[in-house]
Amino acid sequence: MSESHAPSDASPRLNTGVAHNARVWNYWVGGKDNYEVDQEVGEHVAGMFPVIREVALADREFLGRAVRFLAAERGVRQFLDIGTGLPTVDNTHETAQRIAPEARIVYVDNDPIVLAHARTLLTSTPQGATAYIDADVHDPERIVERAAATLDFDRPVAVMMLGILNFVLDTGTARDIVRRIMAAVPSGSFLALTHPTLDADLGGEGNVAAMAFWNENAVPPITARPREEIASFFAGLELVEPGLVPCSQWRPDGGTPAVVPQFGAVAVKP
């Protein structure tokens, strides 16, 4: 087990007796901002579904490629990252501001340990801006209202929703959240999204038991979805090539990466 680091300003919402997704995910990608319970659950899930660490790393690498594409090739200078998770390396603002120092980024999460670390680590270049919103994905109007203090919603915004809608258990509710968020951004904005699947052709069937274990022993509860349901989140948007694919295979930097049971795509609002 790795050494765990606790935030110095832990709030009453911080429950260190139950594994939490942000901290377990941090453990899977090699971070140290987690507790023993997170490590134990993470190890158990990895034993049931060994590819989970590859999924976590592939999702993180997708983030970097998507942000570089949006900032360098599409000229996006504003990012709304919903479901931030614990800061590691090459976070959204670091990648975007490396390309465009004037880029403005708003992070959204509602986990107290994420908040504690975000306040310390998610800093900005002098030319740009970085802000953190303590809000829940189920309240998109609050997210947009508070993000407007940093972002100009009359200009294109890249909405990043990586591994967050899988914690919205009802698919209709998840679709509505995306619709409401994307309704607030102008034409030329983007949605970047990743989501786990149980689709057998991607090896996802092995995750069934692991997800059941997770839902009994960790928070928040999670669900996977088939390709068709994930595709429905992009309704009214135009997918960028190569479309909805395993996130490891979305515009890879080189070679032919292994398939992972985690879809990823980027789409533009016409």
Protein backbone atom coordinates (compact mmCIF):
# COMPACT_ATOMS: atom_id res chain seq x y z
CA MET A 1 0.00 0.00 0.00
CA SER A 2 1.19 3.51 -0.74
CA GLU A 3 1.60 6.20 1.86
CA SER A 4 -1.55 8.29 2.19
CA HIS A 5 -1.73 12.04 2.60
CA ALA A 6 -4.65 13.67 4.42
CA PRO A 7 -5.72 17.27 3.67
CA SER A 8 -4.99 19.74 6.44
CA ASP A 9 -8.44 21.36 6.36
CA ALA A 10 -10.65 18.28 6.31
CA SER A 11 -14.32 19.23 6.56
CA PRO A 12 -17.19 17.40 8.29
CA ARG A 13 -18.19 15.98 4.88
CA LEU A 14 -14.89 14.09 4.67
CA ASN A 15 -15.55 10.46 5.65
CA THR A 16 -12.27 8.58 5.83
CA GLY A 17 -13.99 5.36 6.89
CA VAL A 18 -15.60 4.76 3.48
CA ALA A 19 -13.74 4.54 0.18
CA HIS A 20 -14.44 7.45 -2.15
CA ASN A 21 -14.09 7.49 -5.91
CA ALA A 22 -11.81 10.54 -6.10
CA ARG A 23 -9.34 8.99 -3.69
CA VAL A 24 -9.49 5.44 -5.12
CA TRP A 25 -8.98 6.83 -8.62
CA ASN A 26 -6.00 8.75 -7.29
CA TYR A 27 -4.62 5.49 -5.89
CA TRP A 28 -5.06 3.69 -9.22
CA VAL A 29 -3.09 6.33 -11.11
CA GLY A 30 -0.24 6.20 -8.60
CA GLY A 31 -1.14 9.18 -6.41
CA LYS A 32 -0.68 9.46 -2.66
CA ASP A 33 -3.77 11.46 -1.73
CA ASN A 34 -5.80 8.55 -0.41
CA TYR A 35 -6.50 6.62 2.76
CA GLU A 36 -6.07 2.99 3.76
CA VAL A 37 -9.74 2.23 3.07
CA ASP A 38 -9.34 3.63 -0.46
CA GLN A 39 -6.28 1.48 -1.04
CA GLU A 40 -8.03 -1.64 0.23
CA VAL A 41 -11.09 -1.16 -1.95
CA GLY A 42 -8.91 -0.17 -4.90
CA GLU A 43 -6.85 -3.33 -4.57
CA HIS A 44 -9.95 -5.50 -4.25
CA VAL A 45 -11.55 -3.98 -7.35
CA ALA A 46 -8.28 -4.34 -9.26
CA GLY A 47 -8.17 -7.99 -8.25
CA MET A 48 -11.64 -8.54 -9.66
CA PHE A 49 -11.10 -6.35 -12.73
CA PRO A 50 -7.34 -6.05 -13.38
CA VAL A 51 -7.75 -3.69 -16.35
CA ILE A 52 -9.09 -0.93 -14.08
CA ARG A 53 -5.66 0.67 -13.69
CA GLU A 54 -5.30 0.77 -17.49
CA VAL A 55 -8.74 2.37 -17.67
CA ALA A 56 -7.76 5.02 -15.14
CA LEU A 57 -4.53 5.84 -16.95
CA ALA A 58 -6.23 5.82 -20.37
CA ASP A 59 -8.87 8.23 -19.09
CA ARG A 60 -6.18 10.55 -17.75
CA GLU A 61 -4.27 10.43 -21.03
CA PHE A 62 -7.48 11.15 -22.95
CA LEU A 63 -7.84 14.32 -20.90
CA GLY A 64 -4.42 15.54 -22.01
CA ARG A 65 -5.00 14.76 -25.68
CA ALA A 66 -8.48 16.31 -25.68
CA VAL A 67 -7.32 19.52 -24.02
CA ARG A 68 -4.34 19.82 -26.37
CA PHE A 69 -6.62 19.27 -29.37
CA LEU A 70 -9.13 21.84 -28.17
CA ALA A 71 -6.57 24.48 -27.23
CA ALA A 72 -4.08 24.02 -30.07
CA GLU A 73 -6.27 22.94 -32.99
CA ARG A 74 -9.63 24.50 -32.19
CA GLY A 75 -8.46 27.63 -30.38
CA VAL A 76 -10.52 27.06 -27.23
CA ARG A 77 -9.51 29.36 -24.39
CA GLN A 78 -12.17 28.47 -21.80
CA PHE A 79 -12.66 25.12 -20.05
CA LEU A 80 -15.36 23.98 -17.63
CA ASP A 81 -14.06 20.76 -16.02
CA ILE A 82 -16.94 19.05 -14.19
CA GLY A 83 -15.95 16.21 -11.89
CA THR A 84 -12.38 17.34 -11.46
CA GLY A 85 -11.11 14.64 -9.14
CA LEU A 86 -7.90 15.02 -7.21
CA PRO A 87 -5.20 17.10 -8.90
CA THR A 88 -2.24 15.07 -10.18
CA VAL A 89 0.04 16.17 -13.01
CA ASP A 90 -0.90 17.81 -16.30
CA ASN A 91 -4.26 18.93 -15.05
CA THR A 92 -6.61 20.72 -17.45
CA HIS A 93 -5.30 24.20 -16.68
CA GLU A 94 -1.64 23.14 -16.92
CA THR A 95 -2.15 21.54 -20.32
CA ALA A 96 -4.31 24.38 -21.68
CA GLN A 97 -2.14 27.20 -20.35
CA ARG A 98 1.01 25.56 -21.65
CA ILE A 99 -0.49 26.15 -25.11
CA ALA A 100 -2.38 29.36 -24.34
CA PRO A 101 -1.29 31.13 -21.15
CA GLU A 102 -4.42 33.26 -21.28
CA ALA A 103 -6.73 30.23 -21.00
CA ARG A 104 -9.37 30.32 -18.26
CA ILE A 105 -10.39 27.16 -16.44
CA VAL A 106 -13.12 26.43 -13.92
CA TYR A 107 -13.01 23.16 -12.01
CA VAL A 108 -16.15 21.66 -10.46
CA ASP A 109 -16.34 18.97 -7.79
CA ASN A 110 -18.11 18.44 -4.50
CA ASP A 111 -15.69 16.25 -2.57
CA PRO A 112 -14.02 18.03 0.38
CA ILE A 113 -10.61 16.43 -0.14
CA VAL A 114 -10.66 17.61 -3.77
CA LEU A 115 -11.59 21.09 -2.59
CA ALA A 116 -8.71 21.14 -0.10
CA HIS A 117 -6.15 20.18 -2.72
CA ALA A 118 -7.66 22.33 -5.46
CA ARG A 119 -7.26 25.45 -3.37
CA THR A 120 -3.55 24.72 -3.04
CA LEU A 121 -2.60 23.18 -6.37
CA LEU A 122 -4.91 24.49 -9.09
CA THR A 123 -3.14 27.78 -9.67
CA SER A 124 -3.04 29.82 -12.86
CA THR A 125 -0.67 31.69 -15.09
CA PRO A 126 -0.75 35.49 -14.59
CA GLN A 127 -2.39 35.91 -18.01
CA GLY A 128 -5.15 33.37 -17.41
CA ALA A 129 -7.44 32.30 -14.60
CA THR A 130 -8.24 29.15 -12.64
CA ALA A 131 -11.20 28.81 -10.29
CA TYR A 132 -12.81 26.01 -8.30
CA ILE A 133 -16.56 25.57 -7.71
CA ASP A 134 -17.85 23.36 -4.92
CA ALA A 135 -20.99 22.08 -6.64
CA ASP A 136 -22.79 18.89 -7.62
CA VAL A 137 -23.21 17.72 -11.21
CA HIS A 138 -26.95 17.35 -10.50
CA ASP A 139 -27.21 21.15 -10.25
CA PRO A 140 -26.06 22.43 -13.66
CA GLU A 141 -27.67 25.86 -13.24
CA ARG A 142 -25.61 26.49 -10.10
CA ILE A 143 -22.49 25.36 -11.93
CA VAL A 144 -23.11 27.72 -14.85
CA GLU A 145 -24.08 30.62 -12.60
CA ARG A 146 -20.94 30.35 -10.50
CA ALA A 147 -18.66 29.59 -13.47
CA ALA A 148 -19.80 32.83 -15.09
CA ALA A 149 -17.66 34.72 -12.58
CA THR A 150 -14.60 33.36 -14.43
CA LEU A 151 -15.82 32.29 -17.88
CA ASP A 152 -17.50 34.35 -20.60
CA PHE A 153 -20.49 32.31 -21.76
CA ASP A 154 -20.77 34.45 -24.88
CA ARG A 155 -17.55 32.80 -26.11
CA PRO A 156 -16.92 29.09 -26.78
CA VAL A 157 -16.37 26.86 -23.76
CA ALA A 158 -15.04 23.31 -23.67
CA VAL A 159 -17.14 21.33 -21.20
CA MET A 160 -15.11 18.42 -19.79
CA MET A 161 -17.19 15.59 -18.28
CA LEU A 162 -14.70 12.78 -17.82
CA GLY A 163 -15.90 9.85 -15.74
CA ILE A 164 -18.66 11.83 -14.06
CA LEU A 165 -21.96 10.80 -15.67
CA ASN A 166 -21.39 7.22 -14.52
CA PHE A 167 -22.25 8.54 -11.04
CA VAL A 168 -25.62 9.79 -12.31
CA LEU A 169 -27.49 6.51 -12.13
CA ASP A 170 -30.58 7.44 -14.15
CA THR A 171 -29.78 7.79 -17.85
CA GLY A 172 -32.58 10.27 -18.49
CA THR A 173 -31.29 12.48 -15.70
CA ALA A 174 -27.75 12.25 -17.09
CA ARG A 175 -28.97 13.27 -20.57
CA ASP A 176 -30.84 16.21 -19.07
CA ILE A 177 -27.76 17.39 -17.17
CA VAL A 178 -25.71 17.41 -20.39
CA ARG A 179 -28.52 19.16 -22.28
CA ARG A 180 -28.80 21.91 -19.65
CA ILE A 181 -25.05 22.47 -19.48
CA MET A 182 -24.65 22.59 -23.25
CA ALA A 183 -27.66 24.90 -23.60
CA ALA A 184 -25.73 27.47 -21.56
CA VAL A 185 -22.71 27.59 -23.88
CA PRO A 186 -22.67 29.18 -27.35
CA SER A 187 -22.22 27.68 -30.79
CA GLY A 188 -18.62 26.55 -31.29
CA SER A 189 -18.40 25.12 -27.78
CA PHE A 190 -17.34 21.53 -27.17
CA LEU A 191 -18.24 18.56 -24.99
CA ALA A 192 -15.49 16.08 -24.05
CA LEU A 193 -16.80 13.02 -22.26
CA THR A 194 -15.65 9.60 -21.06
CA HIS A 195 -17.81 6.85 -19.60
CA PRO A 196 -17.33 3.19 -18.59
CA THR A 197 -19.13 0.39 -20.39
CA LEU A 198 -19.86 -3.28 -19.87
CA ASP A 199 -19.85 -3.91 -23.64
CA ALA A 200 -18.32 -7.34 -24.20
CA ASP A 201 -16.43 -6.35 -27.35
CA LEU A 202 -14.35 -3.98 -25.20
CA GLY A 203 -13.87 -6.43 -22.35
CA GLY A 204 -16.34 -4.65 -20.12
CA GLU A 205 -18.23 -7.72 -18.97
CA GLY A 206 -15.49 -8.36 -16.43
CA ASN A 207 -16.50 -5.19 -14.62
CA VAL A 208 -19.97 -6.40 -13.61
CA ALA A 209 -18.93 -8.02 -10.33
CA ALA A 210 -16.38 -5.29 -9.60
CA MET A 211 -19.03 -2.57 -9.92
CA ALA A 212 -21.38 -4.54 -7.66
CA PHE A 213 -18.62 -4.76 -5.05
CA TRP A 214 -17.95 -1.03 -5.42
CA ASN A 215 -21.58 -0.13 -4.86
CA GLU A 216 -21.62 -2.14 -1.64
CA ASN A 217 -18.33 -0.80 -0.26
CA ALA A 218 -17.63 2.68 -1.67
CA VAL A 219 -19.23 5.96 -2.66
CA PRO A 220 -20.72 7.32 -4.77
CA PRO A 221 -22.54 4.45 -6.48
CA ILE A 222 -21.58 3.88 -10.09
CA THR A 223 -23.15 2.55 -13.27
CA ALA A 224 -21.84 1.57 -16.69
CA ARG A 225 -23.74 2.08 -19.93
CA PRO A 226 -23.80 0.55 -23.42
CA ARG A 227 -22.46 2.48 -26.38
CA GLU A 228 -25.92 3.57 -27.57
CA GLU A 229 -26.78 5.22 -24.26
CA ILE A 230 -23.42 6.99 -24.06
CA ALA A 231 -23.88 8.17 -27.65
CA SER A 232 -27.20 9.73 -26.64
CA PHE A 233 -25.36 12.24 -24.44
CA PHE A 234 -24.11 13.87 -27.66
CA ALA A 235 -27.58 14.48 -29.07
CA GLY A 236 -27.63 17.75 -31.03
CA LEU A 237 -23.84 17.90 -31.17
CA GLU A 238 -21.42 16.96 -33.96
CA LEU A 239 -18.84 14.34 -33.05
CA VAL A 240 -15.23 15.11 -33.92
CA GLU A 241 -13.31 12.31 -35.64
CA PRO A 242 -12.85 9.49 -34.75
CA GLY A 243 -16.22 9.69 -32.99
CA LEU A 244 -17.17 7.62 -29.95
CA VAL A 245 -14.38 5.09 -29.41
CA PRO A 246 -12.46 3.50 -26.52
CA CYS A 247 -10.86 6.53 -24.89
CA SER A 248 -7.40 5.00 -25.33
CA GLN A 249 -7.96 5.09 -29.11
CA TRP A 250 -9.20 8.66 -29.42
CA ARG A 251 -6.49 10.46 -31.43
CA PRO A 252 -3.63 8.45 -29.85
CA ASP A 253 -0.18 9.97 -29.84
CA GLY A 254 1.28 6.95 -31.63
CA GLY A 255 0.87 3.26 -32.28
CA THR A 256 -2.32 1.31 -31.62
CA PRO A 257 -3.18 1.52 -27.92
CA ALA A 258 -4.93 -1.35 -26.19
CA VAL A 259 -8.72 -1.25 -26.07
CA VAL A 260 -10.21 -0.32 -22.70
CA PRO A 261 -13.89 -0.56 -21.64
CA GLN A 262 -14.19 3.20 -21.34
CA PHE A 263 -15.66 5.22 -24.19
CA GLY A 264 -14.45 8.70 -25.02
CA ALA A 265 -15.42 11.38 -27.52
CA VAL A 266 -15.33 15.09 -28.26
CA ALA A 267 -18.20 16.88 -29.98
CA VAL A 268 -18.86 20.46 -31.07
CA LYS A 269 -22.07 22.44 -30.66
CA PRO A 270 -23.20 23.67 -34.10
